[in-house]
Amino acid sequence: MLAAAVHELRGPLGVARGYLRLLEKRGNDDTRAQKAVEEAGHAAERMTLLLDQLSDYTRLASGESRLHTELTPLRDVLEAAAGRVPRPSPAGVEIAVGVSPDIAIPLDRARLADAFAALAAAVARAQTTGGTVILAIVGANEPEGPAIVVAPFADVDSRAPERAPRLDRSGAGLTLALAELTVRRHGGALAERWIDDSWAGYVVRVAIGL
């Protein structure tokens, strides 16, 4: 049913994208109208990306498609994820990557990059004053093993408490749910990070022996 819904939604969304592109090319002297067209265009592109991800995951879950794993540095995955966060990023937030040390593990680079991009976008949407969201590898020497933290820049710390994710953060429940499923397919686990009583992004524990 999910695959059928994805297929049916592509038609009207394609029509909306087509007319929005025509309106963008035609231009408009009304600044508010032009801004509205731009925002609608960004929304349509995000919806298209989400449908692509849903379609891909239904094929993965049904066995029609498989993870394409190869030994890949996590730096490459995080840099690819930073480049896939929708632009312009919410509230003028910058996306940065900090990797020290780097780790190479077998993984599906494209799918995992999409998952980290969804997490970074959710953290960016939660910011109200701009700033930077960083994707970083931390805790390489800890007993639990390394983790990838997606958090506001000042809060990157491998010792922050972790809780089970509430997959409705910042109104991005579906994209976060797909991100968690992708992480689990890789043998990892996704959790929220909390500093005192403040939500501070996400942490992904990776499976080194994958």
Protein backbone atom coordinates (compact mmCIF):
# COMPACT_ATOMS: atom_id res chain seq x y z
CA MET A 1 0.00 0.00 0.00
CA LEU A 2 2.86 2.36 0.78
CA ALA A 3 4.43 1.75 -2.63
CA ALA A 4 1.06 2.46 -4.28
CA ALA A 5 0.66 5.68 -2.29
CA VAL A 6 4.11 6.86 -3.35
CA HIS A 7 3.24 6.16 -6.99
CA GLU A 8 -0.09 8.02 -6.80
CA LEU A 9 1.43 11.06 -5.07
CA ARG A 10 4.10 11.54 -7.72
CA GLY A 11 1.54 12.59 -10.36
CA PRO A 12 0.00 15.64 -8.65
CA LEU A 13 3.33 16.61 -7.14
CA GLY A 14 4.90 16.59 -10.61
CA VAL A 15 2.18 18.92 -11.90
CA ALA A 16 2.72 21.30 -8.97
CA ARG A 17 6.49 21.36 -9.53
CA GLY A 18 6.01 22.07 -13.23
CA TYR A 19 3.75 25.08 -12.66
CA LEU A 20 6.00 26.41 -9.90
CA ARG A 21 8.97 26.32 -12.28
CA LEU A 22 6.95 28.24 -14.88
CA LEU A 23 6.04 30.87 -12.28
CA GLU A 24 9.70 31.19 -11.22
CA LYS A 25 10.81 31.74 -14.82
CA ARG A 26 8.05 34.27 -15.48
CA GLY A 27 9.02 36.33 -12.43
CA ASN A 28 6.83 38.64 -10.41
CA ASP A 29 7.17 42.25 -9.34
CA ASP A 30 5.36 41.46 -6.09
CA THR A 31 8.08 40.49 -3.61
CA ARG A 32 5.68 38.57 -1.40
CA ALA A 33 4.33 36.56 -4.32
CA GLN A 34 7.86 35.77 -5.52
CA LYS A 35 8.82 34.65 -2.01
CA ALA A 36 5.73 32.46 -1.81
CA VAL A 37 6.61 30.76 -5.11
CA GLU A 38 10.17 30.12 -3.91
CA GLU A 39 8.99 28.64 -0.62
CA ALA A 40 6.43 26.45 -2.40
CA GLY A 41 9.19 25.28 -4.75
CA HIS A 42 11.44 24.32 -1.85
CA ALA A 43 8.54 22.45 -0.23
CA ALA A 44 7.81 20.57 -3.46
CA GLU A 45 11.47 19.55 -3.80
CA ARG A 46 11.52 18.28 -0.21
CA MET A 47 8.35 16.28 -0.86
CA THR A 48 9.90 14.79 -4.00
CA LEU A 49 13.00 13.77 -2.03
CA LEU A 50 10.85 12.19 0.66
CA LEU A 51 8.88 10.19 -1.92
CA ASP A 52 12.16 9.00 -3.44
CA GLN A 53 13.34 7.86 -0.01
CA LEU A 54 10.06 6.13 0.73
CA SER A 55 10.13 4.35 -2.60
CA ASP A 56 13.71 3.24 -2.02
CA TYR A 57 12.95 1.96 1.46
CA THR A 58 9.90 -0.02 0.36
CA ARG A 59 12.12 -1.79 -2.20
CA LEU A 60 14.74 -2.39 0.48
CA ALA A 61 12.21 -3.74 2.99
CA SER A 62 10.58 -6.03 0.41
CA GLY A 63 13.88 -7.49 -0.70
CA GLU A 64 13.72 -6.00 -4.20
CA SER A 65 16.80 -3.95 -3.36
CA ARG A 66 19.73 -4.49 -1.00
CA LEU A 67 22.27 -2.40 0.85
CA HIS A 68 25.30 -1.78 -1.35
CA THR A 69 27.96 -2.05 1.34
CA GLU A 70 31.63 -1.34 0.81
CA LEU A 71 34.46 -0.25 3.08
CA THR A 72 34.00 3.52 3.28
CA PRO A 73 35.46 6.25 5.53
CA LEU A 74 32.75 7.79 7.67
CA ARG A 75 34.15 11.21 6.79
CA ASP A 76 32.98 10.68 3.20
CA VAL A 77 29.48 9.78 4.40
CA LEU A 78 29.20 12.78 6.72
CA GLU A 79 30.48 15.19 4.06
CA ALA A 80 27.96 13.78 1.58
CA ALA A 81 25.21 14.17 4.20
CA ALA A 82 26.15 17.82 4.84
CA GLY A 83 25.81 18.49 1.12
CA ARG A 84 22.35 16.91 0.97
CA VAL A 85 20.68 19.03 3.65
CA PRO A 86 18.05 21.14 1.82
CA ARG A 87 19.22 24.62 0.90
CA PRO A 88 18.70 27.22 2.04
CA SER A 89 19.03 25.54 5.43
CA PRO A 90 16.40 26.43 8.04
CA ALA A 91 17.00 29.67 9.99
CA GLY A 92 20.29 30.30 8.20
CA VAL A 93 21.95 27.39 10.01
CA GLU A 94 25.28 26.19 8.61
CA ILE A 95 26.11 22.48 8.33
CA ALA A 96 29.68 21.43 9.17
CA VAL A 97 31.63 18.19 9.52
CA GLY A 98 34.19 17.45 12.21
CA VAL A 99 35.96 14.09 12.04
CA SER A 100 38.72 13.10 14.43
CA PRO A 101 39.57 10.30 14.17
CA ASP A 102 38.13 8.89 10.96
CA ILE A 103 36.81 5.33 10.75
CA ALA A 104 36.24 3.12 7.71
CA ILE A 105 33.48 0.49 7.93
CA PRO A 106 31.37 -1.45 5.42
CA LEU A 107 28.27 0.60 4.67
CA ASP A 108 25.88 1.83 2.00
CA ARG A 109 27.28 5.32 1.47
CA ALA A 110 24.31 6.86 -0.34
CA ARG A 111 21.58 5.56 1.96
CA LEU A 112 23.44 6.34 5.17
CA ALA A 113 24.28 9.84 3.90
CA ASP A 114 20.55 10.44 3.33
CA ALA A 115 19.87 9.30 6.91
CA PHE A 116 22.44 11.68 8.39
CA ALA A 117 21.17 14.50 6.18
CA ALA A 118 17.66 13.97 7.63
CA LEU A 119 19.06 14.13 11.17
CA ALA A 120 21.06 17.29 10.41
CA ALA A 121 17.99 18.97 8.87
CA ALA A 122 15.93 18.15 11.97
CA VAL A 123 18.56 19.68 14.26
CA ALA A 124 18.81 22.74 12.00
CA ARG A 125 15.04 23.26 12.09
CA ALA A 126 15.14 23.20 15.88
CA GLN A 127 17.53 26.17 15.98
CA THR A 128 15.94 29.59 16.37
CA THR A 129 19.00 31.84 16.23
CA GLY A 130 21.07 30.42 13.39
CA GLY A 131 24.44 28.91 14.23
CA THR A 132 26.04 25.68 13.12
CA VAL A 133 25.00 22.03 13.16
CA ILE A 134 27.95 19.66 13.20
CA LEU A 135 28.21 16.00 12.25
CA ALA A 136 31.12 14.54 14.19
CA ILE A 137 32.67 11.20 15.17
CA VAL A 138 33.25 11.06 18.92
CA GLY A 139 34.09 8.58 21.67
CA ALA A 140 36.46 6.40 19.66
CA ASN A 141 38.15 5.18 22.85
CA GLU A 142 35.02 4.64 24.92
CA PRO A 143 33.81 1.13 25.89
CA GLU A 144 30.63 1.54 23.81
CA GLY A 145 32.74 2.32 20.75
CA PRO A 146 32.56 5.36 18.47
CA ALA A 147 29.44 7.34 17.73
CA ILE A 148 28.34 9.92 15.20
CA VAL A 149 26.87 12.98 16.88
CA VAL A 150 24.56 15.36 15.02
CA ALA A 151 24.17 18.40 17.24
CA PRO A 152 24.48 22.16 17.65
CA PHE A 153 28.18 22.98 17.41
CA ALA A 154 28.70 23.95 21.06
CA ASP A 155 27.08 20.77 22.38
CA VAL A 156 29.20 18.07 20.74
CA ASP A 157 30.15 15.76 23.61
CA SER A 158 30.17 11.97 23.60
CA ARG A 159 29.18 11.89 27.29
CA ALA A 160 25.76 13.53 26.87
CA PRO A 161 22.93 11.23 28.05
CA GLU A 162 21.10 9.25 25.38
CA ARG A 163 17.39 8.39 25.20
CA ALA A 164 15.21 6.50 22.78
CA PRO A 165 14.30 8.81 19.87
CA ARG A 166 10.90 10.53 19.72
CA LEU A 167 10.49 10.42 15.98
CA ASP A 168 8.30 13.50 15.70
CA ARG A 169 11.04 16.05 16.42
CA SER A 170 10.57 19.36 14.56
CA GLY A 171 7.68 17.97 12.51
CA ALA A 172 9.97 15.60 10.62
CA GLY A 173 8.64 12.33 11.96
CA LEU A 174 8.60 10.42 8.68
CA THR A 175 12.09 11.41 7.54
CA LEU A 176 13.46 10.65 11.01
CA ALA A 177 11.70 7.29 11.05
CA LEU A 178 13.31 6.42 7.71
CA ALA A 179 16.68 7.57 9.05
CA GLU A 180 16.33 5.32 12.08
CA LEU A 181 15.33 2.34 9.91
CA THR A 182 18.35 2.91 7.68
CA VAL A 183 20.66 3.08 10.69
CA ARG A 184 19.16 -0.15 12.05
CA ARG A 185 19.62 -1.83 8.66
CA HIS A 186 23.32 -1.04 9.09
CA GLY A 187 23.38 -2.70 12.50
CA GLY A 188 23.50 0.62 14.35
CA ALA A 189 21.23 2.41 16.82
CA LEU A 190 19.80 5.94 16.87
CA ALA A 191 19.13 7.88 20.08
CA GLU A 192 18.37 11.44 21.09
CA ARG A 193 20.95 13.42 23.09
CA TRP A 194 20.01 15.45 26.14
CA ILE A 195 22.07 17.93 28.16
CA ASP A 196 20.33 18.48 31.48
CA ASP A 197 16.71 18.98 30.38
CA SER A 198 17.56 20.36 26.94
CA TRP A 199 17.31 18.36 23.74
CA ALA A 200 20.72 18.41 22.02
CA GLY A 201 20.41 16.50 18.75
CA TYR A 202 21.06 12.86 17.93
CA VAL A 203 23.71 10.23 18.36
CA VAL A 204 24.20 7.14 16.17
CA ARG A 205 26.14 4.18 17.51
CA VAL A 206 27.81 2.43 14.63
CA ALA A 207 28.49 -1.28 14.21
CA ILE A 208 32.24 -1.53 13.68
CA GLY A 209 32.04 -5.27 13.03
CA LEU A 210 29.38 -4.89 10.33
